[in-house]
N, C-alpha and C. Protein backbone atom coordinates (compact mmCIF):
# COMPACT_ATOMS: atom_id res chain seq x y z
N MET A 1 8.06 -2.33 -16.14
CA MET A 1 7.44 -1.10 -15.67
C MET A 1 6.04 -1.36 -15.11
N ARG A 2 5.44 -2.46 -15.55
CA ARG A 2 4.08 -2.78 -15.10
C ARG A 2 4.03 -3.07 -13.60
N THR A 3 5.02 -3.77 -13.08
CA THR A 3 5.02 -4.14 -11.67
C THR A 3 5.08 -2.92 -10.74
N PRO A 4 5.99 -1.96 -10.95
CA PRO A 4 5.99 -0.78 -10.06
C PRO A 4 4.68 0.00 -10.12
N LEU A 5 4.10 0.12 -11.29
CA LEU A 5 2.82 0.84 -11.41
C LEU A 5 1.70 0.09 -10.70
N ALA A 6 1.69 -1.23 -10.86
CA ALA A 6 0.67 -2.03 -10.18
C ALA A 6 0.82 -1.92 -8.67
N TYR A 7 2.05 -1.96 -8.18
CA TYR A 7 2.29 -1.81 -6.75
C TYR A 7 1.85 -0.45 -6.24
N MET A 8 2.19 0.61 -6.95
CA MET A 8 1.81 1.96 -6.50
C MET A 8 0.29 2.13 -6.49
N ALA A 9 -0.36 1.67 -7.54
CA ALA A 9 -1.82 1.78 -7.60
C ALA A 9 -2.47 0.91 -6.51
N ALA A 10 -1.92 -0.28 -6.30
CA ALA A 10 -2.46 -1.17 -5.26
C ALA A 10 -2.32 -0.53 -3.89
N ALA A 11 -1.21 0.10 -3.63
CA ALA A 11 -0.98 0.74 -2.33
C ALA A 11 -2.00 1.86 -2.09
N ILE A 12 -2.23 2.67 -3.09
CA ILE A 12 -3.21 3.75 -2.95
C ILE A 12 -4.60 3.17 -2.69
N ALA A 13 -4.95 2.14 -3.45
CA ALA A 13 -6.27 1.52 -3.29
C ALA A 13 -6.42 0.88 -1.90
N GLU A 14 -5.38 0.19 -1.45
CA GLU A 14 -5.47 -0.46 -0.14
C GLU A 14 -5.55 0.56 0.99
N ILE A 15 -4.71 1.56 0.94
CA ILE A 15 -4.70 2.56 2.00
C ILE A 15 -6.02 3.32 2.03
N ALA A 16 -6.54 3.68 0.86
CA ALA A 16 -7.83 4.39 0.82
C ALA A 16 -8.95 3.51 1.36
N GLY A 17 -8.94 2.24 1.00
CA GLY A 17 -9.97 1.32 1.49
C GLY A 17 -9.89 1.12 3.00
N CYS A 18 -8.69 0.94 3.49
CA CYS A 18 -8.53 0.77 4.95
C CYS A 18 -8.85 2.07 5.68
N PHE A 19 -8.51 3.20 5.09
CA PHE A 19 -8.81 4.47 5.74
C PHE A 19 -10.32 4.68 5.85
N ALA A 20 -11.08 4.18 4.90
CA ALA A 20 -12.54 4.30 4.98
C ALA A 20 -13.05 3.59 6.24
N PHE A 21 -12.50 2.42 6.53
CA PHE A 21 -12.88 1.71 7.76
C PHE A 21 -12.40 2.47 9.00
N TRP A 22 -11.19 2.98 8.94
CA TRP A 22 -10.65 3.77 10.04
C TRP A 22 -11.56 4.97 10.31
N ALA A 23 -11.93 5.68 9.24
CA ALA A 23 -12.77 6.87 9.38
C ALA A 23 -14.13 6.52 9.99
N TRP A 24 -14.69 5.39 9.57
CA TRP A 24 -15.99 4.97 10.09
C TRP A 24 -15.90 4.62 11.58
N LEU A 25 -14.87 3.84 11.92
CA LEU A 25 -14.75 3.34 13.29
C LEU A 25 -14.06 4.31 14.27
N ARG A 26 -13.14 5.11 13.77
CA ARG A 26 -12.36 5.95 14.68
C ARG A 26 -12.65 7.44 14.55
N LEU A 27 -13.19 7.84 13.39
CA LEU A 27 -13.44 9.27 13.17
C LEU A 27 -14.93 9.59 13.10
N ASP A 28 -15.75 8.61 13.43
CA ASP A 28 -17.21 8.78 13.46
C ASP A 28 -17.82 9.21 12.13
N LYS A 29 -17.26 8.71 11.03
CA LYS A 29 -17.85 8.96 9.71
C LYS A 29 -19.03 8.00 9.53
N PRO A 30 -19.97 8.35 8.65
CA PRO A 30 -21.13 7.48 8.45
C PRO A 30 -20.75 6.14 7.80
N ALA A 31 -21.61 5.15 8.01
CA ALA A 31 -21.35 3.79 7.51
C ALA A 31 -21.24 3.72 5.99
N TRP A 32 -21.84 4.66 5.28
CA TRP A 32 -21.74 4.61 3.81
C TRP A 32 -20.29 4.79 3.34
N TRP A 33 -19.39 5.26 4.20
CA TRP A 33 -17.98 5.33 3.84
C TRP A 33 -17.41 3.94 3.53
N LEU A 34 -18.08 2.90 4.04
CA LEU A 34 -17.60 1.54 3.80
C LEU A 34 -17.78 1.11 2.34
N VAL A 35 -18.75 1.67 1.66
CA VAL A 35 -19.00 1.26 0.27
C VAL A 35 -17.80 1.57 -0.62
N PRO A 36 -17.33 2.82 -0.69
CA PRO A 36 -16.13 3.05 -1.50
C PRO A 36 -14.90 2.35 -0.92
N GLY A 37 -14.90 2.16 0.41
CA GLY A 37 -13.79 1.46 1.03
C GLY A 37 -13.69 0.02 0.56
N ILE A 38 -14.81 -0.67 0.53
CA ILE A 38 -14.84 -2.06 0.07
C ILE A 38 -14.47 -2.14 -1.41
N LEU A 39 -15.00 -1.23 -2.22
CA LEU A 39 -14.66 -1.22 -3.65
C LEU A 39 -13.17 -0.97 -3.85
N SER A 40 -12.62 -0.09 -3.04
CA SER A 40 -11.20 0.20 -3.13
C SER A 40 -10.36 -1.01 -2.76
N LEU A 41 -10.78 -1.75 -1.75
CA LEU A 41 -10.04 -2.96 -1.36
C LEU A 41 -10.16 -4.05 -2.43
N MET A 42 -11.29 -4.11 -3.11
CA MET A 42 -11.43 -5.06 -4.22
C MET A 42 -10.48 -4.67 -5.36
N LEU A 43 -10.38 -3.38 -5.64
CA LEU A 43 -9.46 -2.90 -6.67
C LEU A 43 -8.02 -3.24 -6.29
N PHE A 44 -7.68 -3.05 -5.04
CA PHE A 44 -6.35 -3.39 -4.53
C PHE A 44 -6.02 -4.85 -4.82
N ALA A 45 -6.93 -5.76 -4.49
CA ALA A 45 -6.69 -7.19 -4.69
C ALA A 45 -6.49 -7.50 -6.18
N TRP A 46 -7.28 -6.89 -7.03
CA TRP A 46 -7.15 -7.12 -8.47
C TRP A 46 -5.81 -6.58 -8.98
N LEU A 47 -5.42 -5.39 -8.52
CA LEU A 47 -4.17 -4.80 -8.98
C LEU A 47 -2.97 -5.67 -8.65
N LEU A 48 -3.00 -6.33 -7.50
CA LEU A 48 -1.86 -7.19 -7.16
C LEU A 48 -1.73 -8.39 -8.11
N THR A 49 -2.82 -8.77 -8.77
CA THR A 49 -2.72 -9.87 -9.74
C THR A 49 -1.97 -9.45 -10.99
N LEU A 50 -1.76 -8.16 -11.18
CA LEU A 50 -1.05 -7.65 -12.36
C LEU A 50 0.47 -7.65 -12.19
N VAL A 51 0.93 -7.95 -10.99
CA VAL A 51 2.37 -7.96 -10.71
C VAL A 51 3.02 -9.13 -11.43
N GLU A 52 4.18 -8.87 -12.00
CA GLU A 52 4.91 -9.89 -12.75
C GLU A 52 5.69 -10.78 -11.78
N SER A 53 5.03 -11.79 -11.28
CA SER A 53 5.65 -12.75 -10.37
C SER A 53 4.95 -14.09 -10.53
N ALA A 54 5.73 -15.14 -10.49
CA ALA A 54 5.15 -16.48 -10.64
C ALA A 54 4.50 -16.96 -9.34
N ALA A 55 4.85 -16.32 -8.22
CA ALA A 55 4.34 -16.76 -6.92
C ALA A 55 3.65 -15.59 -6.21
N ALA A 56 2.43 -15.82 -5.78
CA ALA A 56 1.66 -14.77 -5.11
C ALA A 56 2.36 -14.30 -3.84
N GLY A 57 2.87 -15.22 -3.04
CA GLY A 57 3.52 -14.85 -1.79
C GLY A 57 4.70 -13.92 -2.00
N ARG A 58 5.47 -14.16 -3.05
CA ARG A 58 6.61 -13.29 -3.35
C ARG A 58 6.12 -11.90 -3.77
N ALA A 59 5.07 -11.88 -4.56
CA ALA A 59 4.51 -10.59 -4.98
C ALA A 59 4.00 -9.81 -3.77
N TYR A 60 3.36 -10.49 -2.85
CA TYR A 60 2.83 -9.83 -1.64
C TYR A 60 3.96 -9.36 -0.74
N ALA A 61 5.00 -10.17 -0.60
CA ALA A 61 6.13 -9.80 0.25
C ALA A 61 6.80 -8.53 -0.27
N ALA A 62 7.06 -8.48 -1.56
CA ALA A 62 7.70 -7.31 -2.14
C ALA A 62 6.77 -6.09 -2.05
N TYR A 63 5.48 -6.31 -2.16
CA TYR A 63 4.51 -5.22 -2.06
C TYR A 63 4.58 -4.54 -0.69
N GLY A 64 4.95 -5.29 0.33
CA GLY A 64 5.02 -4.74 1.68
C GLY A 64 5.88 -3.50 1.76
N GLY A 65 7.02 -3.49 1.10
CA GLY A 65 7.89 -2.31 1.10
C GLY A 65 7.24 -1.12 0.44
N VAL A 66 6.58 -1.36 -0.66
CA VAL A 66 5.88 -0.27 -1.37
C VAL A 66 4.75 0.26 -0.50
N TYR A 67 4.04 -0.63 0.17
CA TYR A 67 2.94 -0.23 1.04
C TYR A 67 3.42 0.68 2.17
N ILE A 68 4.55 0.35 2.75
CA ILE A 68 5.08 1.16 3.85
C ILE A 68 5.43 2.57 3.37
N VAL A 69 6.07 2.68 2.23
CA VAL A 69 6.40 4.00 1.69
C VAL A 69 5.13 4.77 1.37
N ALA A 70 4.16 4.11 0.75
CA ALA A 70 2.90 4.78 0.41
C ALA A 70 2.13 5.19 1.67
N SER A 71 2.21 4.39 2.72
CA SER A 71 1.54 4.73 3.98
C SER A 71 2.12 6.00 4.59
N LEU A 72 3.43 6.15 4.49
CA LEU A 72 4.05 7.37 5.02
C LEU A 72 3.70 8.58 4.15
N ALA A 73 3.57 8.38 2.85
CA ALA A 73 3.12 9.47 1.98
C ALA A 73 1.69 9.87 2.34
N TRP A 74 0.85 8.89 2.62
CA TRP A 74 -0.54 9.15 3.06
C TRP A 74 -0.52 9.91 4.39
N LEU A 75 0.32 9.45 5.32
CA LEU A 75 0.43 10.09 6.63
C LEU A 75 0.69 11.59 6.47
N TRP A 76 1.59 11.92 5.54
CA TRP A 76 1.98 13.31 5.35
C TRP A 76 0.93 14.09 4.55
N SER A 77 0.48 13.51 3.42
CA SER A 77 -0.40 14.26 2.51
C SER A 77 -1.85 14.32 2.97
N VAL A 78 -2.36 13.27 3.57
CA VAL A 78 -3.77 13.23 3.96
C VAL A 78 -3.96 13.58 5.44
N GLU A 79 -3.11 13.03 6.29
CA GLU A 79 -3.28 13.24 7.72
C GLU A 79 -2.49 14.43 8.25
N GLY A 80 -1.63 14.99 7.41
CA GLY A 80 -0.89 16.18 7.81
C GLY A 80 0.20 15.96 8.84
N VAL A 81 0.67 14.72 8.98
CA VAL A 81 1.74 14.41 9.93
C VAL A 81 3.01 14.09 9.13
N ARG A 82 4.02 14.89 9.35
CA ARG A 82 5.26 14.71 8.59
C ARG A 82 6.05 13.53 9.16
N PRO A 83 6.45 12.58 8.30
CA PRO A 83 7.26 11.45 8.77
C PRO A 83 8.59 11.95 9.33
N ASP A 84 9.08 11.28 10.37
CA ASP A 84 10.37 11.68 10.93
C ASP A 84 11.48 10.84 10.30
N ARG A 85 12.69 11.08 10.74
CA ARG A 85 13.84 10.40 10.12
C ARG A 85 13.80 8.89 10.33
N PHE A 86 13.22 8.44 11.42
CA PHE A 86 13.13 7.00 11.65
C PHE A 86 12.08 6.36 10.75
N ASP A 87 11.00 7.08 10.49
CA ASP A 87 10.01 6.62 9.51
C ASP A 87 10.67 6.46 8.15
N LEU A 88 11.43 7.47 7.75
CA LEU A 88 12.07 7.46 6.43
C LEU A 88 13.15 6.39 6.32
N LEU A 89 13.93 6.22 7.38
CA LEU A 89 14.96 5.18 7.37
C LEU A 89 14.32 3.80 7.29
N GLY A 90 13.29 3.57 8.08
CA GLY A 90 12.60 2.28 8.05
C GLY A 90 11.99 2.01 6.69
N ALA A 91 11.39 3.04 6.09
CA ALA A 91 10.79 2.88 4.77
C ALA A 91 11.85 2.56 3.72
N ALA A 92 12.99 3.22 3.80
CA ALA A 92 14.06 2.96 2.83
C ALA A 92 14.56 1.52 2.96
N LEU A 93 14.71 1.05 4.18
CA LEU A 93 15.14 -0.34 4.38
C LEU A 93 14.12 -1.33 3.82
N CYS A 94 12.84 -1.05 4.06
CA CYS A 94 11.78 -1.95 3.56
C CYS A 94 11.71 -1.93 2.05
N LEU A 95 11.86 -0.75 1.46
CA LEU A 95 11.82 -0.65 0.00
C LEU A 95 13.02 -1.37 -0.62
N ALA A 96 14.18 -1.26 0.00
CA ALA A 96 15.35 -1.99 -0.49
C ALA A 96 15.09 -3.49 -0.43
N GLY A 97 14.47 -3.94 0.64
CA GLY A 97 14.12 -5.37 0.75
C GLY A 97 13.14 -5.80 -0.34
N ALA A 98 12.19 -4.93 -0.63
CA ALA A 98 11.21 -5.25 -1.69
C ALA A 98 11.90 -5.40 -3.04
N VAL A 99 12.86 -4.53 -3.32
CA VAL A 99 13.59 -4.61 -4.58
C VAL A 99 14.37 -5.93 -4.65
N VAL A 100 15.00 -6.31 -3.58
CA VAL A 100 15.74 -7.57 -3.55
C VAL A 100 14.81 -8.75 -3.82
N ILE A 101 13.64 -8.73 -3.19
CA ILE A 101 12.69 -9.83 -3.35
C ILE A 101 12.18 -9.92 -4.78
N ILE A 102 11.74 -8.81 -5.34
CA ILE A 102 11.07 -8.86 -6.65
C ILE A 102 12.08 -8.92 -7.82
N ALA A 103 13.28 -8.36 -7.63
CA ALA A 103 14.23 -8.28 -8.76
C ALA A 103 15.34 -9.30 -8.65
N GLY A 104 15.35 -10.09 -7.59
CA GLY A 104 16.41 -11.09 -7.45
C GLY A 104 16.40 -12.11 -8.58
N PRO A 105 17.57 -12.56 -8.99
CA PRO A 105 17.63 -13.53 -10.08
C PRO A 105 17.03 -14.87 -9.65
N ARG A 106 16.24 -15.40 -10.51
CA ARG A 106 15.60 -16.70 -10.24
C ARG A 106 15.77 -17.59 -11.44
């Protein structure tokens, strides 16, 4: 149960951190937005170390599927843009791939 929670928390931290940079550069927000953004990205990196995987690359690869689903949730909840059926289909495929990567027998 620790791995899914770490992935979900990492996704929120990464998206929030990256959005701070987006807001500064694309939405004309003040530069101080970078401070919580950088802290959020540091939290993201730490959270990925909590994933139960012997190899960092495998943990990062599986995280990609979770990140895509979380990004679409952000798109809808924060940016107010509802994902379409192709977004949802793509996310489902990526999440299935993440499950195969992280839960495959080794």
